[in-house]
């Protein structure tokens, strides 16, 4: 063989070995690798005798060491993932995933399945640490079980109950509130003399005795009632109900409280829960409660002959199904829904002072929201009667699988309204104010420009008309308006009940001197909240309803 050729080949082999050593060194520095060599290179290494064998052993050793490091790296990575748990924080301190803590007894029965489903679909992980969460969803009243956590909430954390809502959901408190659309009731035993006097004046009235557990309801004569039983109340029975296919029914309205002082209340406007009694109302028999009490084994909408075609074949909601039936029979469905909204508003206005008092011991009420269900019955003249308000209403489709869609829409619309389903990552470590401002700035909440530019408002903030102007807004009130703005944007199928909606024409012609009696009775923050929504309605009709 030509010496020059041999020399060049030797040089090339030497260069390949040097290059191999360089690449091997670089891979060793990387700490995680699986070296790969061609069969040609390995063959030449083997052909070099003792030196080649040494190199081969070295490569084999490096290969084995690389596998070892890879296994170690995988183990360490999984250990970090396990140790970090749900809601792991990145280097910036921001949570990679929101965490919800779902709390309730006997969850193995699956009654909270749809709550879990919705939270998982909007990107939440299910937390197991009762001290680490962004949202606490508690089926039961949480203020004792989670007392230390709730008293030390961060601004971004949310709890699905308000302090003091028992003033609304407690059946005794509600029934004895003396509000026009609640059937007259008497608390036992202290109101026994009043009941006997009233029943004597109205001998045709029928009565039921109730307690907070809502069990064992049955029409009885006054002489058969236990008027000494504490914690109960005796309530007038609503006779002559409006019937569909000879059945009595009730209407459940999903209602959400998002704020107190100022008060903001919404309902799910697109859908309601309709439940029919299992048996025909007539011939009436007070001994047969299935004729007049809506229980767990109620008859659903899709089993009612007059409603089945509207609900199933035409794919309408429960609400639109009832509305269609009423219109077909010459009834005013619009007035029915307006009366229901008015009733819900009046309950919250009357109970807000109790809610404010109950919340005084907490740093802020902005962490709280609560969805309840108002249950109404309707008489033959379409007059409404509020029977009860359910805390943590049933969201399980275990009895009727067809209700899955209803319940998951209820939860999703609720979480969207209160900002839990909003596509912005909240953080304990980043500026909560910056995140709010990014979504709605102080410029977005300005209203009544001409008024605010007037000499009166430029000089002073004393007049109510000026207190929404930028120069007069406190930090607290500005944040309140920003949160109200985001609720309106994120409300989906929810609609505001209070402050009451209005048309743009009504907003423009509103005269504060002619405010209704209930408006004049509102506290300052509620008046400002009402005025602000009116200002937004004047600027943009989408804010009117």
Protein backbone atom coordinates (compact mmCIF):
# COMPACT_ATOMS: atom_id res chain seq x y z
CA UNK A 1 0.00 0.00 0.00
CA UNK A 2 1.19 3.47 -0.82
CA UNK A 3 2.73 5.09 2.27
CA UNK A 4 0.97 8.39 1.64
CA UNK A 5 -2.37 6.66 1.37
CA UNK A 6 -1.66 4.74 4.56
CA UNK A 7 -0.56 7.92 6.27
CA UNK A 8 -3.70 9.80 5.21
CA UNK A 9 -5.88 6.90 6.35
CA UNK A 10 -4.05 6.80 9.67
CA UNK A 11 -4.52 10.53 10.05
CA UNK A 12 -8.20 10.22 9.21
CA UNK A 13 -8.61 7.40 11.76
CA UNK A 14 -6.82 9.51 14.32
CA UNK A 15 -9.09 12.47 13.54
CA UNK A 16 -12.16 10.26 13.90
CA UNK A 17 -10.90 9.05 17.26
CA UNK A 18 -10.24 12.62 18.37
CA UNK A 19 -13.69 13.64 17.16
CA UNK A 20 -15.19 10.66 18.99
CA UNK A 21 -13.38 11.64 22.18
CA UNK A 22 -14.63 15.21 21.84
CA UNK A 23 -18.24 14.14 21.35
CA UNK A 24 -17.99 11.68 24.23
CA UNK A 25 -16.64 14.41 26.48
CA UNK A 26 -19.44 16.78 25.49
CA UNK A 27 -22.08 14.13 26.20
CA UNK A 28 -20.55 13.38 29.58
CA UNK A 29 -20.91 17.03 30.48
CA UNK A 30 -24.62 16.96 29.60
CA UNK A 31 -25.29 14.38 32.42
CA UNK A 32 -28.14 12.76 30.50
CA UNK A 33 -27.46 10.90 27.24
CA UNK A 34 -27.64 7.62 25.35
CA UNK A 35 -24.53 7.57 23.03
CA UNK A 36 -25.00 6.07 19.57
CA UNK A 37 -22.18 4.92 17.25
CA UNK A 38 -22.29 3.43 13.79
CA UNK A 39 -21.32 -0.18 13.15
CA UNK A 40 -18.40 1.09 11.00
CA UNK A 41 -16.87 3.04 13.86
CA UNK A 42 -17.26 0.15 16.29
CA UNK A 43 -15.64 -2.21 13.78
CA UNK A 44 -12.60 0.03 13.43
CA UNK A 45 -12.33 0.35 17.19
CA UNK A 46 -12.33 -3.42 17.53
CA UNK A 47 -9.70 -3.80 14.79
CA UNK A 48 -7.11 -1.73 16.63
CA UNK A 49 -6.04 -4.52 18.96
CA UNK A 50 -5.31 -3.71 22.51
CA UNK A 51 -5.79 0.04 22.13
CA UNK A 52 -9.09 -0.53 20.33
CA UNK A 53 -10.31 -2.90 23.01
CA UNK A 54 -9.48 -0.31 25.67
CA UNK A 55 -11.50 2.28 23.80
CA UNK A 56 -14.38 -0.17 23.37
CA UNK A 57 -14.43 -0.89 27.09
CA UNK A 58 -14.42 2.85 27.75
CA UNK A 59 -17.37 3.40 25.43
CA UNK A 60 -19.27 0.51 27.00
CA UNK A 61 -18.62 1.95 30.44
CA UNK A 62 -19.78 5.39 29.35
CA UNK A 63 -22.87 3.83 27.77
CA UNK A 64 -23.73 2.04 31.04
CA UNK A 65 -23.07 5.21 33.03
CA UNK A 66 -25.38 7.15 30.72
CA UNK A 67 -28.19 4.67 31.30
CA UNK A 68 -27.65 4.97 35.03
CA UNK A 69 -27.85 8.77 34.90
CA UNK A 70 -30.99 8.62 32.78
CA UNK A 71 -32.71 6.35 35.30
CA UNK A 72 -31.66 8.67 38.14
CA UNK A 73 -32.97 11.73 36.25
CA UNK A 74 -36.35 10.08 35.62
CA UNK A 75 -36.62 9.09 39.27
CA UNK A 76 -35.78 12.60 40.46
CA UNK A 77 -38.27 14.17 38.03
CA UNK A 78 -41.09 11.95 39.26
CA UNK A 79 -40.14 12.63 42.85
CA UNK A 80 -40.37 16.38 42.25
CA UNK A 81 -43.78 15.95 40.62
CA UNK A 82 -45.10 13.93 43.55
CA UNK A 83 -43.60 16.23 46.18
CA UNK A 84 -44.94 19.39 44.55
CA UNK A 85 -48.52 18.06 44.44
CA UNK A 86 -51.44 19.97 42.93
CA UNK A 87 -50.98 23.60 42.09
CA UNK A 88 -47.17 23.34 41.76
CA UNK A 89 -45.50 26.74 41.58
CA UNK A 90 -43.05 27.69 38.85
CA UNK A 91 -39.88 29.71 39.43
CA UNK A 92 -41.89 32.92 39.07
CA UNK A 93 -44.07 31.93 42.02
CA UNK A 94 -47.21 31.58 39.88
CA UNK A 95 -49.32 28.46 40.19
CA UNK A 96 -49.18 26.22 37.15
CA UNK A 97 -52.71 24.95 37.85
CA UNK A 98 -55.61 26.15 39.94
CA UNK A 99 -56.66 23.95 42.87
CA UNK A 100 -60.16 23.33 44.19
CA UNK A 101 -60.89 21.72 47.54
CA UNK A 102 -64.29 20.00 47.42
CA UNK A 103 -65.70 19.32 50.87
CA UNK A 104 -68.77 17.30 51.78
CA UNK A 105 -69.90 14.23 53.67
CA UNK A 106 -70.39 10.82 52.02
CA UNK A 107 -68.90 11.89 48.70
CA UNK A 108 -68.60 8.26 47.61
CA UNK A 109 -72.28 8.41 46.68
CA UNK A 110 -71.31 10.67 43.78
CA UNK A 111 -73.66 13.56 44.57
CA UNK A 112 -70.86 16.04 43.77
CA UNK A 113 -69.79 14.34 40.54
CA UNK A 114 -70.93 17.19 38.29
CA UNK A 115 -69.10 19.73 40.46
CA UNK A 116 -65.88 17.76 40.00
CA UNK A 117 -66.53 17.41 36.26
CA UNK A 118 -66.90 21.14 35.68
CA UNK A 119 -63.86 22.08 37.76
CA UNK A 120 -61.69 19.58 35.91
CA UNK A 121 -62.90 20.83 32.51
CA UNK A 122 -61.97 24.42 33.34
CA UNK A 123 -58.46 23.33 34.27
CA UNK A 124 -58.56 22.85 38.04
CA UNK A 125 -56.80 20.08 39.89
CA UNK A 126 -58.56 18.44 42.84
CA UNK A 127 -56.69 19.27 46.02
CA UNK A 128 -56.36 16.97 49.00
CA UNK A 129 -54.71 19.49 51.34
CA UNK A 130 -57.36 21.54 53.11
CA UNK A 131 -54.82 24.36 53.50
CA UNK A 132 -53.81 24.66 49.83
CA UNK A 133 -56.53 25.73 47.41
CA UNK A 134 -57.75 28.54 45.22
CA UNK A 135 -61.43 27.63 45.56
CA UNK A 136 -63.21 25.96 48.45
CA UNK A 137 -66.43 24.27 47.35
CA UNK A 138 -68.17 23.05 50.48
CA UNK A 139 -71.52 21.29 50.41
CA UNK A 140 -71.99 22.11 54.09
CA UNK A 141 -71.65 25.47 55.83
CA UNK A 142 -67.84 25.78 56.07
CA UNK A 143 -67.25 28.57 58.59
CA UNK A 144 -66.55 26.27 61.53
CA UNK A 145 -64.85 23.39 59.73
CA UNK A 146 -62.50 25.77 57.87
CA UNK A 147 -62.47 28.63 60.37
CA UNK A 148 -58.71 29.27 60.45
CA UNK A 149 -58.37 29.06 56.65
CA UNK A 150 -61.34 31.35 55.96
CA UNK A 151 -60.12 33.98 58.41
CA UNK A 152 -56.79 34.18 56.58
CA UNK A 153 -57.86 34.17 52.94
CA UNK A 154 -55.66 35.61 50.21
CA UNK A 155 -57.33 38.03 47.77
CA UNK A 156 -57.50 35.44 44.97
CA UNK A 157 -59.15 32.69 47.05
CA UNK A 158 -62.88 31.99 46.75
CA UNK A 159 -65.37 30.24 49.05
CA UNK A 160 -68.80 29.14 47.81
CA UNK A 161 -70.72 30.39 50.86
CA UNK A 162 -71.42 33.77 52.47
CA UNK A 163 -71.42 34.31 56.24
CA UNK A 164 -74.96 34.73 57.48
CA UNK A 165 -76.89 33.24 54.57
CA UNK A 166 -78.81 31.16 57.10
CA UNK A 167 -81.00 34.23 57.47
CA UNK A 168 -82.22 33.34 53.97
CA UNK A 169 -81.88 29.56 53.78
CA UNK A 170 -83.10 28.76 57.29
CA UNK A 171 -86.74 27.80 56.76
CA UNK A 172 -87.99 29.26 60.03
CA UNK A 173 -86.22 32.59 59.47
CA UNK A 174 -87.49 32.86 55.91
CA UNK A 175 -91.09 31.77 56.49
CA UNK A 176 -91.59 34.23 59.35
CA UNK A 177 -90.12 37.18 57.43
CA UNK A 178 -93.54 38.77 56.78
CA UNK A 179 -92.92 39.39 53.06
CA UNK A 180 -95.97 39.57 50.80
CA UNK A 181 -95.13 36.57 48.58
CA UNK A 182 -94.31 34.20 51.46
CA UNK A 183 -97.33 32.31 52.84
CA UNK A 184 -98.19 33.52 56.32
CA UNK A 185 -96.35 31.58 59.02
CA UNK A 186 -96.05 31.48 62.80
CA UNK A 187 -93.01 30.41 64.80
CA UNK A 188 -93.67 27.86 67.51
CA UNK A 189 -94.18 27.98 70.40
CA UNK A 190 -93.87 31.76 70.84
CA UNK A 191 -96.41 32.68 68.14
CA UNK A 192 -99.05 30.19 69.29
CA UNK A 193 -101.52 32.87 70.48
CA UNK A 194 -101.21 34.76 67.19
CA UNK A 195 -101.78 31.56 65.19
CA UNK A 196 -104.88 30.63 67.16
CA UNK A 197 -106.30 34.12 66.71
CA UNK A 198 -105.57 34.21 62.96
CA UNK A 199 -106.88 30.69 62.31
CA UNK A 200 -110.05 31.55 64.20
CA UNK A 201 -110.57 34.53 61.90
CA UNK A 202 -109.87 32.39 58.79
CA UNK A 203 -111.39 28.97 59.49
CA UNK A 204 -111.21 27.95 55.82
CA UNK A 205 -107.40 28.06 55.81
CA UNK A 206 -105.40 24.82 55.81
CA UNK A 207 -102.07 24.53 57.62
CA UNK A 208 -98.81 22.57 57.52
CA UNK A 209 -96.16 22.32 60.21
CA UNK A 210 -92.55 22.44 59.08
CA UNK A 211 -89.03 22.36 60.45
CA UNK A 212 -85.62 22.98 58.92
CA UNK A 213 -85.26 19.35 57.81
CA UNK A 214 -88.31 19.71 55.52
CA UNK A 215 -89.51 16.20 56.37
CA UNK A 216 -92.95 14.94 57.35
CA UNK A 217 -94.93 17.81 55.82
CA UNK A 218 -98.64 17.10 55.95
CA UNK A 219 -101.84 19.14 56.08
CA UNK A 220 -103.43 19.00 59.52
CA UNK A 221 -106.17 20.62 61.50
CA UNK A 222 -105.09 23.24 64.00
CA UNK A 223 -106.18 20.90 66.78
CA UNK A 224 -103.84 18.19 65.46
CA UNK A 225 -100.71 20.38 65.26
CA UNK A 226 -97.99 20.30 67.92
CA UNK A 227 -97.99 23.97 68.88
CA UNK A 228 -95.40 23.50 71.62
CA UNK A 229 -92.69 22.06 69.37
CA UNK A 230 -89.69 24.39 69.34
CA UNK A 231 -87.76 25.01 66.12
CA UNK A 232 -90.87 24.54 63.98
CA UNK A 233 -93.33 26.85 62.30
CA UNK A 234 -96.91 26.52 61.15
CA UNK A 235 -97.56 27.87 57.67
CA UNK A 236 -100.64 28.54 55.60
CA UNK A 237 -101.13 25.97 52.85
CA UNK A 238 -101.39 27.37 49.31
CA UNK A 239 -104.53 25.82 47.88
CA UNK A 240 -105.91 26.11 44.35
CA UNK A 241 -102.50 25.72 42.67
CA UNK A 242 -101.96 26.17 38.95
CA UNK A 243 -102.02 22.67 37.46
CA UNK A 244 -100.47 21.18 34.34
CA UNK A 245 -101.94 17.81 33.36
CA UNK A 246 -103.75 17.87 36.71
CA UNK A 247 -100.44 18.00 38.61
CA UNK A 248 -99.15 20.60 41.06
CA UNK A 249 -95.53 21.69 40.50
CA UNK A 250 -92.85 24.01 41.81
CA UNK A 251 -90.28 26.19 40.05
CA UNK A 252 -86.65 26.28 41.21
CA UNK A 253 -84.61 29.41 40.40
CA UNK A 254 -80.81 29.16 40.71
CA UNK A 255 -79.71 32.39 42.37
CA UNK A 256 -76.21 33.69 43.10
CA UNK A 257 -75.10 36.30 45.61
CA UNK A 258 -71.77 37.81 44.53
CA UNK A 259 -71.49 40.83 46.82
CA UNK A 260 -72.92 42.56 49.87
CA UNK A 261 -72.52 46.23 50.76
CA UNK A 262 -72.98 46.88 47.88
CA UNK A 263 -75.46 44.14 47.04
CA UNK A 264 -75.27 42.25 43.73
CA UNK A 265 -77.54 39.29 42.96
CA UNK A 266 -77.95 37.24 39.77
CA UNK A 267 -80.15 34.40 38.58
CA UNK A 268 -79.54 31.76 35.94
CA UNK A 269 -81.97 33.20 33.42
CA UNK A 270 -81.76 30.51 30.75
CA UNK A 271 -83.00 27.55 32.80
CA UNK A 272 -85.02 26.54 35.85
CA UNK A 273 -85.86 23.32 37.67
CA UNK A 274 -89.46 22.14 37.26
CA UNK A 275 -90.74 19.36 39.55
CA UNK A 276 -94.22 17.85 39.49
CA UNK A 277 -96.02 15.97 42.25
CA UNK A 278 -96.20 12.20 41.66
CA UNK A 279 -100.03 12.13 41.71
CA UNK A 280 -102.92 14.24 40.42
CA UNK A 281 -104.02 17.05 42.73
CA UNK A 282 -107.74 16.28 42.40
CA UNK A 283 -109.66 14.62 43.92
CA UNK A 284 -107.86 16.28 46.81
CA UNK A 285 -106.95 14.17 49.82
CA UNK A 286 -104.92 15.78 52.64
CA UNK A 287 -103.86 12.31 53.79
CA UNK A 288 -102.08 11.67 50.47
CA UNK A 289 -98.99 13.91 50.45
CA UNK A 290 -98.00 12.79 46.93
CA UNK A 291 -100.83 14.98 45.66
CA UNK A 292 -99.47 18.24 47.07
CA UNK A 293 -95.84 17.79 48.27
CA UNK A 294 -92.95 17.76 45.79
CA UNK A 295 -90.50 15.17 47.10
CA UNK A 296 -87.41 13.33 45.90
CA UNK A 297 -89.52 11.08 43.68
CA UNK A 298 -91.05 13.95 41.73
CA UNK A 299 -92.27 13.61 38.15
CA UNK A 300 -89.91 15.36 35.67
CA UNK A 301 -90.87 17.63 32.78
CA UNK A 302 -90.26 15.03 30.07
CA UNK A 303 -92.85 12.68 31.57
CA UNK A 304 -95.69 15.21 31.44
CA UNK A 305 -97.93 14.61 28.38
CA UNK A 306 -98.52 18.30 27.58
CA UNK A 307 -94.83 19.21 27.92
CA UNK A 308 -93.00 16.23 26.46
CA UNK A 309 -93.24 17.40 22.85
CA UNK A 310 -92.04 20.92 23.69
CA UNK A 311 -89.19 19.72 25.89
CA UNK A 312 -87.93 16.67 23.99
CA UNK A 313 -89.00 16.84 20.35
CA UNK A 314 -88.42 20.60 20.09
CA UNK A 315 -85.38 20.59 22.41
CA UNK A 316 -86.45 23.49 24.62
CA UNK A 317 -85.27 24.21 28.15
CA UNK A 318 -87.47 23.62 31.19
CA UNK A 319 -88.06 27.35 31.41
CA UNK A 320 -89.06 27.80 27.78
CA UNK A 321 -91.22 24.69 27.98
CA UNK A 322 -93.26 26.18 30.84
CA UNK A 323 -93.38 29.59 29.12
CA UNK A 324 -94.63 28.02 25.89
CA UNK A 325 -97.34 26.10 27.74
CA UNK A 326 -98.50 29.26 29.53
CA UNK A 327 -98.67 31.26 26.30
CA UNK A 328 -100.57 28.45 24.59
CA UNK A 329 -103.17 28.70 27.36
CA UNK A 330 -103.46 32.49 27.27
CA UNK A 331 -101.34 33.16 30.36
CA UNK A 332 -98.77 35.92 30.82
CA UNK A 333 -95.44 34.15 31.27
CA UNK A 334 -93.48 37.43 31.21
CA UNK A 335 -95.26 38.67 34.33
CA UNK A 336 -94.58 35.36 36.08
CA UNK A 337 -90.81 35.64 35.58
CA UNK A 338 -90.83 39.36 36.45
CA UNK A 339 -92.66 38.62 39.71
CA UNK A 340 -90.12 35.92 40.57
CA UNK A 341 -87.19 38.28 39.97
CA UNK A 342 -88.87 40.96 42.07
CA UNK A 343 -89.43 38.50 44.91
CA UNK A 344 -85.81 37.34 44.92
CA UNK A 345 -84.60 40.94 44.94
CA UNK A 346 -86.80 41.82 47.91
CA UNK A 347 -85.56 38.85 49.93
CA UNK A 348 -81.94 39.92 49.55
CA UNK A 349 -82.67 43.59 50.21
CA UNK A 350 -84.51 42.69 53.41
CA UNK A 351 -81.80 40.29 54.60
CA UNK A 352 -78.70 42.24 53.57
CA UNK A 353 -78.32 43.99 56.97
CA UNK A 354 -78.15 40.54 58.60
CA UNK A 355 -75.53 39.42 56.08
CA UNK A 356 -73.44 42.54 56.65
CA UNK A 357 -73.56 41.98 60.40
CA UNK A 358 -72.53 38.32 60.08
CA UNK A 359 -69.58 39.21 57.83
CA UNK A 360 -68.08 41.94 60.03
CA UNK A 361 -65.56 39.59 61.62
CA UNK A 362 -63.97 38.72 58.26
CA UNK A 363 -61.27 40.76 56.52
CA UNK A 364 -63.19 41.00 53.26
CA UNK A 365 -66.42 39.71 51.76
CA UNK A 366 -64.96 39.68 48.23
CA UNK A 367 -63.75 36.11 48.76
CA UNK A 368 -67.31 34.82 49.11
CA UNK A 369 -70.07 33.86 46.69
CA UNK A 370 -73.11 31.64 47.12
CA UNK A 371 -75.56 29.89 44.83
CA UNK A 372 -78.91 28.82 46.26
CA UNK A 373 -82.21 27.69 44.78
CA UNK A 374 -85.44 29.62 45.36
CA UNK A 375 -88.47 27.30 45.17
CA UNK A 376 -91.81 28.86 44.19
CA UNK A 377 -95.31 27.49 43.74
CA UNK A 378 -97.96 29.22 41.64
CA UNK A 379 -101.70 29.44 42.24
CA UNK A 380 -104.39 29.30 39.58
CA UNK A 381 -104.12 33.08 39.06
CA UNK A 382 -100.32 32.81 38.55
CA UNK A 383 -99.60 34.48 41.88
CA UNK A 384 -96.23 33.30 43.15
CA UNK A 385 -95.43 31.97 46.63
CA UNK A 386 -91.90 31.43 47.89
CA UNK A 387 -91.77 28.16 49.80
CA UNK A 388 -88.09 27.86 50.66
CA UNK A 389 -84.53 28.74 49.70
CA UNK A 390 -82.17 25.76 49.50
CA UNK A 391 -78.54 26.11 50.52
CA UNK A 392 -76.33 23.78 48.45
CA UNK A 393 -79.22 22.64 46.22
CA UNK A 394 -79.14 19.16 44.76
CA UNK A 395 -76.73 18.84 41.82
CA UNK A 396 -76.83 15.06 41.49
CA UNK A 397 -78.34 13.38 38.44
CA UNK A 398 -78.34 10.01 40.19
CA UNK A 399 -82.14 9.97 40.28
CA UNK A 400 -82.69 11.47 36.82
CA UNK A 401 -79.71 11.13 34.47
CA UNK A 402 -81.32 13.62 32.08
CA UNK A 403 -80.57 16.40 34.60
CA UNK A 404 -76.82 16.11 33.99
CA UNK A 405 -76.90 18.91 31.41
CA UNK A 406 -78.91 21.19 33.69
CA UNK A 407 -76.65 20.73 36.71
CA UNK A 408 -73.38 21.12 34.82
CA UNK A 409 -74.67 24.28 33.15
CA UNK A 410 -75.71 25.61 36.56
CA UNK A 411 -72.20 25.06 37.95
CA UNK A 412 -70.36 26.36 34.88
CA UNK A 413 -72.42 29.54 34.60
CA UNK A 414 -71.92 30.14 38.32
CA UNK A 415 -68.14 29.69 38.16
CA UNK A 416 -67.92 31.94 35.13
CA UNK A 417 -69.96 34.68 36.81
CA UNK A 418 -67.77 34.79 39.93
CA UNK A 419 -64.50 34.68 37.98
CA UNK A 420 -63.47 31.15 38.93
CA UNK A 421 -63.75 29.96 35.31
CA UNK A 422 -62.04 33.07 33.97
CA UNK A 423 -58.97 32.34 31.83
CA UNK A 424 -56.52 34.34 33.95
CA UNK A 425 -54.02 32.73 36.31
CA UNK A 426 -54.35 34.17 39.78
CA UNK A 427 -51.30 34.22 42.03
CA UNK A 428 -50.54 34.75 45.66
CA UNK A 429 -47.12 36.09 44.79
CA UNK A 430 -47.96 38.39 41.89
CA UNK A 431 -49.94 41.62 42.13
CA UNK A 432 -53.66 40.89 42.43
CA UNK A 433 -54.32 44.53 41.54
CA UNK A 434 -52.33 44.22 38.30
CA UNK A 435 -54.40 41.20 37.28
CA UNK A 436 -57.63 43.10 37.92
CA UNK A 437 -56.40 46.17 36.04
CA UNK A 438 -55.37 44.04 33.06
CA UNK A 439 -58.95 42.82 32.70
CA UNK A 440 -60.71 46.09 33.50
CA UNK A 441 -58.86 49.34 34.10
CA UNK A 442 -59.97 52.37 36.07
CA UNK A 443 -60.86 53.99 32.74
CA UNK A 444 -63.44 51.28 31.99
CA UNK A 445 -65.55 52.06 35.06
CA UNK A 446 -66.05 55.77 34.42
CA UNK A 447 -69.65 57.01 33.98
CA UNK A 448 -71.56 60.32 33.78
CA UNK A 449 -68.73 62.23 32.09
CA UNK A 450 -70.58 65.55 31.83
CA UNK A 451 -71.60 65.45 35.49
CA UNK A 452 -68.05 64.69 36.61
CA UNK A 453 -66.69 67.58 34.52
CA UNK A 454 -69.18 70.04 36.02
CA UNK A 455 -67.91 72.77 38.36
CA UNK A 456 -69.87 71.20 41.23
CA UNK A 457 -68.02 67.88 41.01
CA UNK A 458 -64.71 69.52 40.21
CA UNK A 459 -64.92 71.47 43.46
CA UNK A 460 -66.28 68.81 45.83
CA UNK A 461 -67.19 65.15 46.26
CA UNK A 462 -69.97 65.71 48.78
CA UNK A 463 -72.86 65.38 46.35
CA UNK A 464 -74.00 61.80 45.58
CA UNK A 465 -73.81 62.62 41.86
CA UNK A 466 -70.06 63.23 42.17
CA UNK A 467 -69.06 60.19 44.21
CA UNK A 468 -68.60 57.99 41.14
CA UNK A 469 -66.22 60.47 39.51
CA UNK A 470 -62.58 59.43 39.28
CA UNK A 471 -61.34 62.15 41.62
CA UNK A 472 -63.86 61.05 44.25
CA UNK A 473 -63.57 57.26 43.98
CA UNK A 474 -61.95 55.50 46.91
CA UNK A 475 -59.67 52.54 46.18
CA UNK A 476 -62.27 50.22 47.70
CA UNK A 477 -65.13 51.56 45.58
CA UNK A 478 -63.05 51.49 42.40
CA UNK A 479 -62.22 47.82 43.02
CA UNK A 480 -65.92 47.14 43.66
CA UNK A 481 -66.81 48.65 40.29
CA UNK A 482 -64.08 46.66 38.55
CA UNK A 483 -65.40 43.40 40.01
CA UNK A 484 -68.97 44.34 39.02
CA UNK A 485 -67.69 45.05 35.50
CA UNK A 486 -66.07 41.60 35.25
CA UNK A 487 -69.22 39.90 36.54
CA UNK A 488 -71.22 41.56 33.80
CA UNK A 489 -68.72 40.50 31.13
CA UNK A 490 -68.45 36.91 32.43
CA UNK A 491 -72.10 36.33 33.38
CA UNK A 492 -72.94 34.08 30.39
CA UNK A 493 -76.59 33.00 30.94
CA UNK A 494 -76.88 34.70 34.31
CA UNK A 495 -78.77 37.98 34.58
CA UNK A 496 -78.67 40.63 37.26
CA UNK A 497 -81.57 40.86 39.71
CA UNK A 498 -80.06 43.57 41.89
CA UNK A 499 -79.25 46.30 41.12
CA UNK A 500 -82.41 45.96 39.04
CA UNK A 501 -82.05 46.05 35.26
CA UNK A 502 -83.73 48.74 33.18
CA UNK A 503 -84.09 49.85 29.59
CA UNK A 504 -81.83 52.53 28.18
CA UNK A 505 -84.83 54.84 27.89
CA UNK A 506 -85.59 54.32 31.58
CA UNK A 507 -81.95 54.93 32.46
CA UNK A 508 -81.83 58.21 30.56
CA UNK A 509 -85.11 59.47 32.00
CA UNK A 510 -84.46 58.35 35.58
CA UNK A 511 -85.07 61.06 38.17
CA UNK A 512 -83.40 60.48 41.51
CA UNK A 513 -86.04 62.60 43.22
CA UNK A 514 -88.67 60.05 42.16
CA UNK A 515 -86.85 56.94 43.36
CA UNK A 516 -89.10 54.18 44.63
CA UNK A 517 -89.47 53.66 48.35
CA UNK A 518 -87.12 50.67 48.46
CA UNK A 519 -84.44 52.64 46.58
CA UNK A 520 -84.63 55.45 49.10
CA UNK A 521 -84.14 52.93 51.89
CA UNK A 522 -80.88 51.59 50.45
CA UNK A 523 -77.55 52.35 52.04
CA UNK A 524 -75.05 54.64 50.30
CA UNK A 525 -73.04 51.89 48.61
CA UNK A 526 -76.15 50.28 47.15
CA UNK A 527 -77.33 53.62 45.81
CA UNK A 528 -73.94 54.16 44.19
CA UNK A 529 -73.96 50.65 42.72
CA UNK A 530 -77.42 51.23 41.26
CA UNK A 531 -76.36 54.62 39.88
CA UNK A 532 -73.22 53.12 38.30
CA UNK A 533 -75.15 50.42 36.44
CA UNK A 534 -77.55 53.10 35.23
CA UNK A 535 -74.59 55.09 33.94
CA UNK A 536 -73.20 52.06 32.10
CA UNK A 537 -76.66 51.40 30.62
CA UNK A 538 -76.81 54.95 29.26
CA UNK A 539 -73.40 54.47 27.62
CA UNK A 540 -74.07 50.98 26.24
CA UNK A 541 -77.47 49.21 26.00
CA UNK A 542 -75.82 45.81 26.58
CA UNK A 543 -75.46 46.88 30.23
CA UNK A 544 -79.17 47.55 30.67
CA UNK A 545 -80.32 43.95 31.12
